[in-house]
Amino acid sequence: MSLIDKANLLVVYTGELEKYKHMPLYEAIVYAAKKSGMAGATVSRGIMSYGANSKIHTTKIFALSADLPVKVEIVDVEEKIQKFIEVVKKMFDKSNSAGLITLQDVEVVLYQGNKNKII
């Protein structure tokens, strides 16, 4: 991906307790993204959500659910994202996990590694 380029943002919403092959689904998605050569992936943990099942997930102490929302964001060129969407869909199908997948057009303004990295 060049420094300034049109790209896609793939966002996967799921719960932190969703599993894929005995590991958290969000973790499996990040490892699959790395293996697929995606430009990068970020996982964020939410404090409250609800989705297709209308069940509230929250961090509040007396809440019934400890299954907090998780968002995985991956940015790369359209061709790579389109291929990776199929990987993620298969992960959801095989694990019977709950979630939502969205796709947006984005413009990459800067994409660079750490110039002062100590080895």
PDB file of N, CA and C in Angstrom:
ATOM      1  N   MET A   1       0.856  -1.171   0.000  1.00  0.00           N
ATOM      2  CA  MET A   1       0.000   0.000   0.000  1.00  0.00           C
ATOM      3  C   MET A   1       0.901   1.233   0.000  1.00  0.00           C
ATOM      4  N   SER A   2       0.615   2.167  -0.880  1.00  0.00           N
ATOM      5  CA  SER A   2       1.412   3.394  -0.912  1.00  0.00           C
ATOM      6  C   SER A   2       1.009   4.301   0.250  1.00  0.00           C
ATOM      7  N   LEU A   3       1.785   5.364   0.459  1.00  0.00           N
ATOM      8  CA  LEU A   3       1.524   6.245   1.593  1.00  0.00           C
ATOM      9  C   LEU A   3       0.178   6.943   1.490  1.00  0.00           C
ATOM     10  N   ILE A   4      -0.236   7.311   0.292  1.00  0.00           N
ATOM     11  CA  ILE A   4      -1.548   7.922   0.107  1.00  0.00           C
ATOM     12  C   ILE A   4      -2.267   7.109  -0.959  1.00  0.00           C
ATOM     13  N   ASP A   5      -3.348   6.475  -0.550  1.00  0.00           N
ATOM     14  CA  ASP A   5      -4.013   5.545  -1.450  1.00  0.00           C
ATOM     15  C   ASP A   5      -5.459   5.332  -1.007  1.00  0.00           C
ATOM     16  N   LYS A   6      -6.273   4.951  -1.946  1.00  0.00           N
ATOM     17  CA  LYS A   6      -7.631   4.532  -1.618  1.00  0.00           C
ATOM     18  C   LYS A   6      -7.538   3.128  -1.038  1.00  0.00           C
ATOM     19  N   ALA A   7      -8.329   2.847  -0.022  1.00  0.00           N
ATOM     20  CA  ALA A   7      -8.294   1.549   0.635  1.00  0.00           C
ATOM     21  C   ALA A   7      -9.672   1.233   1.197  1.00  0.00           C
ATOM     22  N   ASN A   8      -9.790   0.075   1.819  1.00  0.00           N
ATOM     23  CA  ASN A   8     -11.015  -0.333   2.495  1.00  0.00           C
ATOM     24  C   ASN A   8     -10.724  -0.555   3.965  1.00  0.00           C
ATOM     25  N   LEU A   9     -11.723  -0.261   4.781  1.00  0.00           N
ATOM     26  CA  LEU A   9     -11.678  -0.540   6.210  1.00  0.00           C
ATOM     27  C   LEU A   9     -12.688  -1.643   6.480  1.00  0.00           C
ATOM     28  N   LEU A  10     -12.188  -2.788   6.891  1.00  0.00           N
ATOM     29  CA  LEU A  10     -13.028  -3.911   7.277  1.00  0.00           C
ATOM     30  C   LEU A  10     -13.176  -3.865   8.784  1.00  0.00           C
ATOM     31  N   VAL A  11     -14.417  -3.853   9.273  1.00  0.00           N
ATOM     32  CA  VAL A  11     -14.665  -3.818  10.706  1.00  0.00           C
ATOM     33  C   VAL A  11     -15.497  -5.040  11.074  1.00  0.00           C
ATOM     34  N   VAL A  12     -15.002  -5.793  12.048  1.00  0.00           N
ATOM     35  CA  VAL A  12     -15.691  -6.986  12.522  1.00  0.00           C
ATOM     36  C   VAL A  12     -16.084  -6.748  13.973  1.00  0.00           C
ATOM     37  N   TYR A  13     -17.368  -6.819  14.254  1.00  0.00           N
ATOM     38  CA  TYR A  13     -17.884  -6.664  15.610  1.00  0.00           C
ATOM     39  C   TYR A  13     -18.277  -8.045  16.113  1.00  0.00           C
ATOM     40  N   THR A  14     -17.838  -8.387  17.311  1.00  0.00           N
ATOM     41  CA  THR A  14     -18.200  -9.666  17.914  1.00  0.00           C
ATOM     42  C   THR A  14     -18.060  -9.532  19.423  1.00  0.00           C
ATOM     43  N   GLY A  15     -18.181 -10.640  20.118  1.00  0.00           N
ATOM     44  CA  GLY A  15     -18.032 -10.639  21.567  1.00  0.00           C
ATOM     45  C   GLY A  15     -16.717 -11.281  21.963  1.00  0.00           C
ATOM     46  N   GLU A  16     -16.173 -10.867  23.103  1.00  0.00           N
ATOM     47  CA  GLU A  16     -14.877 -11.389  23.500  1.00  0.00           C
ATOM     48  C   GLU A  16     -14.916 -12.869  23.874  1.00  0.00           C
ATOM     49  N   LEU A  17     -16.090 -13.424  24.127  1.00  0.00           N
ATOM     50  CA  LEU A  17     -16.179 -14.842  24.469  1.00  0.00           C
ATOM     51  C   LEU A  17     -16.418 -15.749  23.261  1.00  0.00           C
ATOM     52  N   GLU A  18     -16.619 -15.157  22.068  1.00  0.00           N
ATOM     53  CA  GLU A  18     -16.796 -15.974  20.860  1.00  0.00           C
ATOM     54  C   GLU A  18     -15.482 -16.690  20.554  1.00  0.00           C
ATOM     55  N   LYS A  19     -15.579 -17.970  20.194  1.00  0.00           N
ATOM     56  CA  LYS A  19     -14.380 -18.795  19.973  1.00  0.00           C
ATOM     57  C   LYS A  19     -14.299 -19.301  18.547  1.00  0.00           C
ATOM     58  N   TYR A  20     -13.052 -19.518  18.115  1.00  0.00           N
ATOM     59  CA  TYR A  20     -12.767 -20.180  16.848  1.00  0.00           C
ATOM     60  C   TYR A  20     -11.593 -21.114  17.114  1.00  0.00           C
ATOM     61  N   LYS A  21     -11.823 -22.399  16.979  1.00  0.00           N
ATOM     62  CA  LYS A  21     -10.780 -23.409  17.232  1.00  0.00           C
ATOM     63  C   LYS A  21     -10.093 -23.196  18.578  1.00  0.00           C
ATOM     64  N   HIS A  22     -10.861 -23.067  19.629  1.00  0.00           N
ATOM     65  CA  HIS A  22     -10.375 -22.967  21.014  1.00  0.00           C
ATOM     66  C   HIS A  22      -9.588 -21.695  21.327  1.00  0.00           C
ATOM     67  N   MET A  23      -9.720 -20.663  20.502  1.00  0.00           N
ATOM     68  CA  MET A  23      -9.107 -19.373  20.817  1.00  0.00           C
ATOM     69  C   MET A  23     -10.149 -18.291  20.585  1.00  0.00           C
ATOM     70  N   PRO A  24      -9.972 -17.129  21.195  1.00  0.00           N
ATOM     71  CA  PRO A  24     -10.925 -16.048  20.942  1.00  0.00           C
ATOM     72  C   PRO A  24     -11.014 -15.752  19.444  1.00  0.00           C
ATOM     73  N   LEU A  25     -12.224 -15.555  18.948  1.00  0.00           N
ATOM     74  CA  LEU A  25     -12.437 -15.290  17.524  1.00  0.00           C
ATOM     75  C   LEU A  25     -11.653 -14.066  17.061  1.00  0.00           C
ATOM     76  N   TYR A  26     -11.663 -12.999  17.863  1.00  0.00           N
ATOM     77  CA  TYR A  26     -10.946 -11.789  17.469  1.00  0.00           C
ATOM     78  C   TYR A  26      -9.448 -12.066  17.305  1.00  0.00           C
ATOM     79  N   GLU A  27      -8.900 -12.907  18.151  1.00  0.00           N
ATOM     80  CA  GLU A  27      -7.480 -13.263  18.064  1.00  0.00           C
ATOM     81  C   GLU A  27      -7.213 -14.080  16.799  1.00  0.00           C
ATOM     82  N   ALA A  28      -8.093 -15.018  16.511  1.00  0.00           N
ATOM     83  CA  ALA A  28      -7.956 -15.836  15.303  1.00  0.00           C
ATOM     84  C   ALA A  28      -8.024 -14.969  14.049  1.00  0.00           C
ATOM     85  N   ILE A  29      -8.882 -13.941  14.067  1.00  0.00           N
ATOM     86  CA  ILE A  29      -8.993 -13.027  12.917  1.00  0.00           C
ATOM     87  C   ILE A  29      -7.691 -12.257  12.726  1.00  0.00           C
ATOM     88  N   VAL A  30      -7.104 -11.768  13.805  1.00  0.00           N
ATOM     89  CA  VAL A  30      -5.852 -11.014  13.693  1.00  0.00           C
ATOM     90  C   VAL A  30      -4.733 -11.903  13.162  1.00  0.00           C
ATOM     91  N   TYR A  31      -4.624 -13.132  13.676  1.00  0.00           N
ATOM     92  CA  TYR A  31      -3.586 -14.048  13.181  1.00  0.00           C
ATOM     93  C   TYR A  31      -3.818 -14.398  11.707  1.00  0.00           C
ATOM     94  N   ALA A  32      -5.078 -14.566  11.318  1.00  0.00           N
ATOM     95  CA  ALA A  32      -5.391 -14.848   9.913  1.00  0.00           C
ATOM     96  C   ALA A  32      -5.054 -13.648   9.036  1.00  0.00           C
ATOM     97  N   ALA A  33      -5.290 -12.437   9.539  1.00  0.00           N
ATOM     98  CA  ALA A  33      -4.946 -11.225   8.790  1.00  0.00           C
ATOM     99  C   ALA A  33      -3.436 -11.136   8.593  1.00  0.00           C
ATOM    100  N   LYS A  34      -2.681 -11.431   9.633  1.00  0.00           N
ATOM    101  CA  LYS A  34      -1.215 -11.419   9.538  1.00  0.00           C
ATOM    102  C   LYS A  34      -0.750 -12.444   8.513  1.00  0.00           C
ATOM    103  N   LYS A  35      -1.305 -13.652   8.583  1.00  0.00           N
ATOM    104  CA  LYS A  35      -0.939 -14.724   7.651  1.00  0.00           C
ATOM    105  C   LYS A  35      -1.298 -14.354   6.208  1.00  0.00           C
ATOM    106  N   SER A  36      -2.380 -13.609   6.035  1.00  0.00           N
ATOM    107  CA  SER A  36      -2.833 -13.194   4.702  1.00  0.00           C
ATOM    108  C   SER A  36      -2.077 -11.987   4.166  1.00  0.00           C
ATOM    109  N   GLY A  37      -1.176 -11.422   4.967  1.00  0.00           N
ATOM    110  CA  GLY A  37      -0.379 -10.285   4.516  1.00  0.00           C
ATOM    111  C   GLY A  37      -1.117  -8.960   4.543  1.00  0.00           C
ATOM    112  N   MET A  38      -2.144  -8.860   5.390  1.00  0.00           N
ATOM    113  CA  MET A  38      -2.872  -7.596   5.485  1.00  0.00           C
ATOM    114  C   MET A  38      -1.961  -6.527   6.084  1.00  0.00           C
ATOM    115  N   ALA A  39      -2.228  -5.272   5.773  1.00  0.00           N
ATOM    116  CA  ALA A  39      -1.372  -4.162   6.203  1.00  0.00           C
ATOM    117  C   ALA A  39      -1.318  -4.023   7.722  1.00  0.00           C
ATOM    118  N   GLY A  40      -2.388  -4.361   8.417  1.00  0.00           N
ATOM    119  CA  GLY A  40      -2.418  -4.262   9.871  1.00  0.00           C
ATOM    120  C   GLY A  40      -3.807  -4.534  10.405  1.00  0.00           C
ATOM    121  N   ALA A  41      -3.886  -4.812  11.695  1.00  0.00           N
ATOM    122  CA  ALA A  41      -5.172  -5.072  12.348  1.00  0.00           C
ATOM    123  C   ALA A  41      -5.125  -4.527  13.770  1.00  0.00           C
ATOM    124  N   THR A  42      -6.243  -4.026  14.234  1.00  0.00           N
ATOM    125  CA  THR A  42      -6.352  -3.500  15.594  1.00  0.00           C
ATOM    126  C   THR A  42      -7.615  -4.043  16.231  1.00  0.00           C
ATOM    127  N   VAL A  43      -7.493  -4.467  17.497  1.00  0.00           N
ATOM    128  CA  VAL A  43      -8.644  -4.950  18.258  1.00  0.00           C
ATOM    129  C   VAL A  43      -8.931  -3.947  19.360  1.00  0.00           C
ATOM    130  N   SER A  44     -10.198  -3.545  19.478  1.00  0.00           N
ATOM    131  CA  SER A  44     -10.642  -2.640  20.541  1.00  0.00           C
ATOM    132  C   SER A  44     -11.739  -3.325  21.337  1.00  0.00           C
ATOM    133  N   ARG A  45     -11.693  -3.142  22.639  1.00  0.00           N
ATOM    134  CA  ARG A  45     -12.697  -3.723  23.528  1.00  0.00           C
ATOM    135  C   ARG A  45     -13.674  -2.625  23.932  1.00  0.00           C
ATOM    136  N   GLY A  46     -14.954  -2.927  23.814  1.00  0.00           N
ATOM    137  CA  GLY A  46     -15.979  -1.947  24.152  1.00  0.00           C
ATOM    138  C   GLY A  46     -16.432  -2.071  25.594  1.00  0.00           C
ATOM    139  N   ILE A  47     -17.222  -1.104  26.023  1.00  0.00           N
ATOM    140  CA  ILE A  47     -17.739  -1.141  27.389  1.00  0.00           C
ATOM    141  C   ILE A  47     -19.223  -1.486  27.448  1.00  0.00           C
ATOM    142  N   MET A  48     -19.906  -1.385  26.295  1.00  0.00           N
ATOM    143  CA  MET A  48     -21.328  -1.715  26.277  1.00  0.00           C
ATOM    144  C   MET A  48     -21.784  -1.902  24.839  1.00  0.00           C
ATOM    145  N   SER A  49     -22.692  -2.876  24.632  1.00  0.00           N
ATOM    146  CA  SER A  49     -23.225  -3.098  23.292  1.00  0.00           C
ATOM    147  C   SER A  49     -24.469  -3.961  23.342  1.00  0.00           C
ATOM    148  N   TYR A  50     -25.135  -4.051  22.199  1.00  0.00           N
ATOM    149  CA  TYR A  50     -26.118  -5.094  21.946  1.00  0.00           C
ATOM    150  C   TYR A  50     -26.146  -5.294  20.446  1.00  0.00           C
ATOM    151  N   GLY A  51     -26.615  -6.455  20.019  1.00  0.00           N
ATOM    152  CA  GLY A  51     -26.616  -6.758  18.598  1.00  0.00           C
ATOM    153  C   GLY A  51     -27.864  -7.490  18.182  1.00  0.00           C
ATOM    154  N   ALA A  52     -27.719  -8.424  17.257  1.00  0.00           N
ATOM    155  CA  ALA A  52     -28.843  -9.131  16.648  1.00  0.00           C
ATOM    156  C   ALA A  52     -29.718  -9.856  17.659  1.00  0.00           C
ATOM    157  N   ASN A  53     -29.120 -10.328  18.755  1.00  0.00           N
ATOM    158  CA  ASN A  53     -29.901 -11.040  19.776  1.00  0.00           C
ATOM    159  C   ASN A  53     -30.529 -10.102  20.802  1.00  0.00           C
ATOM    160  N   SER A  54     -30.263  -8.807  20.700  1.00  0.00           N
ATOM    161  CA  SER A  54     -30.775  -7.769  21.603  1.00  0.00           C
ATOM    162  C   SER A  54     -30.388  -7.969  23.061  1.00  0.00           C
ATOM    163  N   LYS A  55     -29.311  -8.696  23.311  1.00  0.00           N
ATOM    164  CA  LYS A  55     -28.817  -8.893  24.675  1.00  0.00           C
ATOM    165  C   LYS A  55     -27.792  -7.796  24.978  1.00  0.00           C
ATOM    166  N   ILE A  56     -27.972  -7.123  26.107  1.00  0.00           N
ATOM    167  CA  ILE A  56     -27.049  -6.070  26.508  1.00  0.00           C
ATOM    168  C   ILE A  56     -25.776  -6.702  27.075  1.00  0.00           C
ATOM    169  N   HIS A  57     -24.636  -6.233  26.589  1.00  0.00           N
ATOM    170  CA  HIS A  57     -23.328  -6.644  27.095  1.00  0.00           C
ATOM    171  C   HIS A  57     -22.696  -5.401  27.709  1.00  0.00           C
ATOM    172  N   THR A  58     -22.255  -5.489  28.964  1.00  0.00           N
ATOM    173  CA  THR A  58     -21.754  -4.300  29.644  1.00  0.00           C
ATOM    174  C   THR A  58     -20.678  -4.650  30.662  1.00  0.00           C
ATOM    175  N   THR A  59     -19.910  -3.642  31.056  1.00  0.00           N
ATOM    176  CA  THR A  59     -18.862  -3.815  32.067  1.00  0.00           C
ATOM    177  C   THR A  59     -19.380  -3.601  33.479  1.00  0.00           C
ATOM    178  N   LYS A  60     -20.632  -3.203  33.614  1.00  0.00           N
ATOM    179  CA  LYS A  60     -21.175  -2.910  34.942  1.00  0.00           C
ATOM    180  C   LYS A  60     -21.090  -4.140  35.837  1.00  0.00           C
ATOM    181  N   ILE A  61     -20.755  -3.930  37.090  1.00  0.00           N
ATOM    182  CA  ILE A  61     -20.503  -5.018  38.041  1.00  0.00           C
ATOM    183  C   ILE A  61     -21.681  -5.976  38.184  1.00  0.00           C
ATOM    184  N   PHE A  62     -22.883  -5.474  38.240  1.00  0.00           N
ATOM    185  CA  PHE A  62     -24.031  -6.329  38.484  1.00  0.00           C
ATOM    186  C   PHE A  62     -24.705  -6.824  37.207  1.00  0.00           C
ATOM    187  N   ALA A  63     -24.067  -6.623  36.083  1.00  0.00           N
ATOM    188  CA  ALA A  63     -24.635  -7.077  34.809  1.00  0.00           C
ATOM    189  C   ALA A  63     -24.546  -8.595  34.705  1.00  0.00           C
ATOM    190  N   LEU A  64     -25.459  -9.182  33.947  1.00  0.00           N
ATOM    191  CA  LEU A  64     -25.480 -10.625  33.783  1.00  0.00           C
ATOM    192  C   LEU A  64     -24.433 -11.108  32.786  1.00  0.00           C
ATOM    193  N   SER A  65     -23.964 -10.250  31.910  1.00  0.00           N
ATOM    194  CA  SER A  65     -23.046 -10.660  30.855  1.00  0.00           C
ATOM    195  C   SER A  65     -21.640 -10.122  31.084  1.00  0.00           C
ATOM    196  N   ALA A  66     -20.668 -11.024  30.981  1.00  0.00           N
ATOM    197  CA  ALA A  66     -19.268 -10.600  31.013  1.00  0.00           C
ATOM    198  C   ALA A  66     -18.690 -10.634  29.601  1.00  0.00           C
ATOM    199  N   ASP A  67     -19.531 -10.908  28.630  1.00  0.00           N
ATOM    200  CA  ASP A  67     -19.112 -11.022  27.233  1.00  0.00           C
ATOM    201  C   ASP A  67     -19.093  -9.633  26.604  1.00  0.00           C
ATOM    202  N   LEU A  68     -17.969  -8.938  26.750  1.00  0.00           N
ATOM    203  CA  LEU A  68     -17.888  -7.559  26.277  1.00  0.00           C
ATOM    204  C   LEU A  68     -17.716  -7.485  24.763  1.00  0.00           C
ATOM    205  N   PRO A  69     -18.140  -6.377  24.169  1.00  0.00           N
ATOM    206  CA  PRO A  69     -18.004  -6.220  22.724  1.00  0.00           C
ATOM    207  C   PRO A  69     -16.547  -6.040  22.315  1.00  0.00           C
ATOM    208  N   VAL A  70     -16.225  -6.563  21.143  1.00  0.00           N
ATOM    209  CA  VAL A  70     -14.885  -6.448  20.580  1.00  0.00           C
ATOM    210  C   VAL A  70     -15.027  -6.009  19.127  1.00  0.00           C
ATOM    211  N   LYS A  71     -14.143  -5.085  18.715  1.00  0.00           N
ATOM    212  CA  LYS A  71     -14.145  -4.605  17.337  1.00  0.00           C
ATOM    213  C   LYS A  71     -12.762  -4.835  16.749  1.00  0.00           C
ATOM    214  N   VAL A  72     -12.707  -5.520  15.603  1.00  0.00           N
ATOM    215  CA  VAL A  72     -11.455  -5.735  14.888  1.00  0.00           C
ATOM    216  C   VAL A  72     -11.494  -4.867  13.637  1.00  0.00           C
ATOM    217  N   GLU A  73     -10.477  -4.010  13.463  1.00  0.00           N
ATOM    218  CA  GLU A  73     -10.401  -3.133  12.297  1.00  0.00           C
ATOM    219  C   GLU A  73      -9.171  -3.511  11.472  1.00  0.00           C
ATOM    220  N   ILE A  74      -9.379  -3.653  10.168  1.00  0.00           N
ATOM    221  CA  ILE A  74      -8.303  -4.004   9.249  1.00  0.00           C
ATOM    222  C   ILE A  74      -8.397  -3.083   8.041  1.00  0.00           C
ATOM    223  N   VAL A  75      -7.285  -2.441   7.693  1.00  0.00           N
ATOM    224  CA  VAL A  75      -7.242  -1.551   6.534  1.00  0.00           C
ATOM    225  C   VAL A  75      -6.263  -2.122   5.515  1.00  0.00           C
ATOM    226  N   ASP A  76      -6.679  -2.187   4.270  1.00  0.00           N
ATOM    227  CA  ASP A  76      -5.801  -2.597   3.186  1.00  0.00           C
ATOM    228  C   ASP A  76      -6.476  -2.246   1.872  1.00  0.00           C
ATOM    229  N   VAL A  77      -5.813  -2.580   0.760  1.00  0.00           N
ATOM    230  CA  VAL A  77      -6.383  -2.304  -0.552  1.00  0.00           C
ATOM    231  C   VAL A  77      -7.595  -3.197  -0.784  1.00  0.00           C
ATOM    232  N   GLU A  78      -8.489  -2.731  -1.637  1.00  0.00           N
ATOM    233  CA  GLU A  78      -9.772  -3.398  -1.847  1.00  0.00           C
ATOM    234  C   GLU A  78      -9.635  -4.877  -2.204  1.00  0.00           C
ATOM    235  N   GLU A  79      -8.715  -5.215  -3.098  1.00  0.00           N
ATOM    236  CA  GLU A  79      -8.581  -6.600  -3.555  1.00  0.00           C
ATOM    237  C   GLU A  79      -8.246  -7.539  -2.394  1.00  0.00           C
ATOM    238  N   LYS A  80      -7.325  -7.122  -1.527  1.00  0.00           N
ATOM    239  CA  LYS A  80      -6.925  -7.956  -0.399  1.00  0.00           C
ATOM    240  C   LYS A  80      -8.047  -8.059   0.635  1.00  0.00           C
ATOM    241  N   ILE A  81      -8.735  -6.956   0.863  1.00  0.00           N
ATOM    242  CA  ILE A  81      -9.850  -6.966   1.826  1.00  0.00           C
ATOM    243  C   ILE A  81     -10.963  -7.880   1.337  1.00  0.00           C
ATOM    244  N   GLN A  82     -11.300  -7.816   0.057  1.00  0.00           N
ATOM    245  CA  GLN A  82     -12.377  -8.648  -0.485  1.00  0.00           C
ATOM    246  C   GLN A  82     -12.064 -10.140  -0.295  1.00  0.00           C
ATOM    247  N   LYS A  83     -10.819 -10.530  -0.536  1.00  0.00           N
ATOM    248  CA  LYS A  83     -10.414 -11.923  -0.327  1.00  0.00           C
ATOM    249  C   LYS A  83     -10.485 -12.288   1.156  1.00  0.00           C
ATOM    250  N   PHE A  84     -10.062 -11.361   2.001  1.00  0.00           N
ATOM    251  CA  PHE A  84     -10.035 -11.653   3.437  1.00  0.00           C
ATOM    252  C   PHE A  84     -11.435 -11.721   4.036  1.00  0.00           C
ATOM    253  N   ILE A  85     -12.372 -11.003   3.483  1.00  0.00           N
ATOM    254  CA  ILE A  85     -13.760 -11.080   3.959  1.00  0.00           C
ATOM    255  C   ILE A  85     -14.251 -12.524   3.907  1.00  0.00           C
ATOM    256  N   GLU A  86     -13.897 -13.237   2.851  1.00  0.00           N
ATOM    257  CA  GLU A  86     -14.314 -14.640   2.722  1.00  0.00           C
ATOM    258  C   GLU A  86     -13.700 -15.498   3.825  1.00  0.00           C
ATOM    259  N   VAL A  87     -12.470 -15.215   4.209  1.00  0.00           N
ATOM    260  CA  VAL A  87     -11.812 -15.931   5.311  1.00  0.00           C
ATOM    261  C   VAL A  87     -12.584 -15.703   6.605  1.00  0.00           C
ATOM    262  N   VAL A  88     -12.928 -14.444   6.873  1.00  0.00           N
ATOM    263  CA  VAL A  88     -13.644 -14.106   8.103  1.00  0.00           C
ATOM    264  C   VAL A  88     -15.035 -14.738   8.118  1.00  0.00           C
ATOM    265  N   LYS A  89     -15.736 -14.697   6.988  1.00  0.00           N
ATOM    266  CA  LYS A  89     -17.067 -15.317   6.913  1.00  0.00           C
ATOM    267  C   LYS A  89     -16.993 -16.808   7.240  1.00  0.00           C
ATOM    268  N   LYS A  90     -15.982 -17.488   6.720  1.00  0.00           N
ATOM    269  CA  LYS A  90     -15.810 -18.924   7.006  1.00  0.00           C
ATOM    270  C   LYS A  90     -15.545 -19.151   8.484  1.00  0.00           C
ATOM    271  N   MET A  91     -14.791 -18.264   9.112  1.00  0.00           N
ATOM    272  CA  MET A  91     -14.521 -18.384  10.544  1.00  0.00           C
ATOM    273  C   MET A  91     -15.820 -18.261  11.338  1.00  0.00           C
ATOM    274  N   PHE A  92     -16.665 -17.324  10.953  1.00  0.00           N
ATOM    275  CA  PHE A  92     -17.957 -17.168  11.620  1.00  0.00           C
ATOM    276  C   PHE A  92     -18.831 -18.400  11.392  1.00  0.00           C
ATOM    277  N   ASP A  93     -18.858 -18.900  10.162  1.00  0.00           N
ATOM    278  CA  ASP A  93     -19.678 -20.074   9.846  1.00  0.00           C
ATOM    279  C   ASP A  93     -19.226 -21.304  10.627  1.00  0.00           C
ATOM    280  N   LYS A  94     -17.920 -21.562  10.646  1.00  0.00           N
ATOM    281  CA  LYS A  94     -17.391 -22.752  11.316  1.00  0.00           C
ATOM    282  C   LYS A  94     -17.546 -22.686  12.828  1.00  0.00           C
ATOM    283  N   SER A  95     -17.510 -21.494  13.383  1.00  0.00           N
ATOM    284  CA  SER A  95     -17.590 -21.353  14.842  1.00  0.00           C
ATOM    285  C   SER A  95     -19.005 -21.054  15.332  1.00  0.00           C
ATOM    286  N   ASN A  96     -19.926 -20.808  14.394  1.00  0.00           N
ATOM    287  CA  ASN A  96     -21.303 -20.441  14.738  1.00  0.00           C
ATOM    288  C   ASN A  96     -21.329 -19.229  15.687  1.00  0.00           C
ATOM    289  N   SER A  97     -20.435 -18.286  15.448  1.00  0.00           N
ATOM    290  CA  SER A  97     -20.305 -17.099  16.297  1.00  0.00           C
ATOM    291  C   SER A  97     -21.268 -15.997  15.881  1.00  0.00           C
ATOM    292  N   ALA A  98     -21.583 -15.139  16.853  1.00  0.00           N
ATOM    293  CA  ALA A  98     -22.411 -13.966  16.593  1.00  0.00           C
ATOM    294  C   ALA A  98     -21.513 -12.803  16.203  1.00  0.00           C
ATOM    295  N   GLY A  99     -21.998 -11.936  15.325  1.00  0.00           N
ATOM    296  CA  GLY A  99     -21.209 -10.771  14.968  1.00  0.00           C
ATOM    297  C   GLY A  99     -21.772  -9.996  13.809  1.00  0.00           C
ATOM    298  N   LEU A 100     -21.036  -8.996  13.409  1.00  0.00           N
ATOM    299  CA  LEU A 100     -21.399  -8.111  12.309  1.00  0.00           C
ATOM    300  C   LEU A 100     -20.116  -7.746  11.580  1.00  0.00           C
ATOM    301  N   ILE A 101     -20.165  -7.737  10.253  1.00  0.00           N
ATOM    302  CA  ILE A 101     -19.018  -7.351   9.439  1.00  0.00           C
ATOM    303  C   ILE A 101     -19.436  -6.169   8.574  1.00  0.00           C
ATOM    304  N   THR A 102     -18.638  -5.090   8.612  1.00  0.00           N
ATOM    305  CA  THR A 102     -18.930  -3.923   7.776  1.00  0.00           C
ATOM    306  C   THR A 102     -17.702  -3.579   6.937  1.00  0.00           C
ATOM    307  N   LEU A 103     -17.934  -2.806   5.880  1.00  0.00           N
ATOM    308  CA  LEU A 103     -16.871  -2.415   4.964  1.00  0.00           C
ATOM    309  C   LEU A 103     -17.074  -0.949   4.580  1.00  0.00           C
ATOM    310  N   GLN A 104     -15.991  -0.180   4.619  1.00  0.00           N
ATOM    311  CA  GLN A 104     -16.046   1.234   4.256  1.00  0.00           C
ATOM    312  C   GLN A 104     -14.871   1.584   3.348  1.00  0.00           C
ATOM    313  N   ASP A 105     -15.074   2.550   2.479  1.00  0.00           N
ATOM    314  CA  ASP A 105     -13.972   3.114   1.707  1.00  0.00           C
ATOM    315  C   ASP A 105     -13.249   4.122   2.592  1.00  0.00           C
ATOM    316  N   VAL A 106     -11.928   4.084   2.575  1.00  0.00           N
ATOM    317  CA  VAL A 106     -11.126   5.040   3.336  1.00  0.00           C
ATOM    318  C   VAL A 106      -9.973   5.522   2.466  1.00  0.00           C
ATOM    319  N   GLU A 107      -9.366   6.615   2.873  1.00  0.00           N
ATOM    320  CA  GLU A 107      -8.169   7.124   2.210  1.00  0.00           C
ATOM    321  C   GLU A 107      -7.019   7.041   3.200  1.00  0.00           C
ATOM    322  N   VAL A 108      -5.975   6.331   2.835  1.00  0.00           N
ATOM    323  CA  VAL A 108      -4.805   6.204   3.692  1.00  0.00           C
ATOM    324  C   VAL A 108      -3.959   7.458   3.522  1.00  0.00           C
ATOM    325  N   VAL A 109      -3.696   8.124   4.619  1.00  0.00           N
ATOM    326  CA  VAL A 109      -2.912   9.348   4.607  1.00  0.00           C
ATOM    327  C   VAL A 109      -1.454   9.048   4.964  1.00  0.00           C
ATOM    328  N   LEU A 110      -1.239   8.109   5.867  1.00  0.00           N
ATOM    329  CA  LEU A 110       0.109   7.731   6.275  1.00  0.00           C
ATOM    330  C   LEU A 110       0.110   6.278   6.701  1.00  0.00           C
ATOM    331  N   TYR A 111       1.122   5.530   6.251  1.00  0.00           N
ATOM    332  CA  TYR A 111       1.307   4.137   6.664  1.00  0.00           C
ATOM    333  C   TYR A 111       2.803   3.880   6.699  1.00  0.00           C
ATOM    334  N   GLN A 112       3.381   3.880   7.920  1.00  0.00           N
ATOM    335  CA  GLN A 112       4.818   3.665   8.035  1.00  0.00           C
ATOM    336  C   GLN A 112       5.133   2.964   9.348  1.00  0.00           C
ATOM    337  N   GLY A 113       6.228   2.259   9.353  1.00  0.00           N
ATOM    338  CA  GLY A 113       6.709   1.601  10.564  1.00  0.00           C
ATOM    339  C   GLY A 113       7.504   2.561  11.422  1.00  0.00           C
ATOM    340  N   ASN A 114       7.982   2.050  12.546  1.00  0.00           N
ATOM    341  CA  ASN A 114       8.780   2.834  13.471  1.00  0.00           C
ATOM    342  C   ASN A 114      10.184   3.029  12.897  1.00  0.00           C
ATOM    343  N   LYS A 115      10.564   4.268  12.649  1.00  0.00           N
ATOM    344  CA  LYS A 115      11.876   4.572  12.062  1.00  0.00           C
ATOM    345  C   LYS A 115      13.009   4.393  13.073  1.00  0.00           C
ATOM    346  N   ASN A 116      12.701   4.480  14.357  1.00  0.00           N
ATOM    347  CA  ASN A 116      13.720   4.393  15.419  1.00  0.00           C
ATOM    348  C   ASN A 116      13.667   3.061  16.151  1.00  0.00           C
ATOM    349  N   LYS A 117      13.237   2.051  15.469  1.00  0.00           N
ATOM    350  CA  LYS A 117      13.087   0.734  16.101  1.00  0.00           C
ATOM    351  C   LYS A 117      14.453   0.211  16.576  1.00  0.00           C
ATOM    352  N   ILE A 118      14.512  -0.205  17.831  1.00  0.00           N
ATOM    353  CA  ILE A 118      15.734  -0.767  18.404  1.00  0.00           C
ATOM    354  C   ILE A 118      15.665  -2.278  18.258  1.00  0.00           C
ATOM    355  N   ILE A 119      16.695  -2.836  17.683  1.00  0.00           N
ATOM    356  CA  ILE A 119      16.719  -4.289  17.440  1.00  0.00           C
ATOM    357  C   ILE A 119      17.423  -4.999  18.572  1.00  0.00           C
TER     358      ILE A 119
END
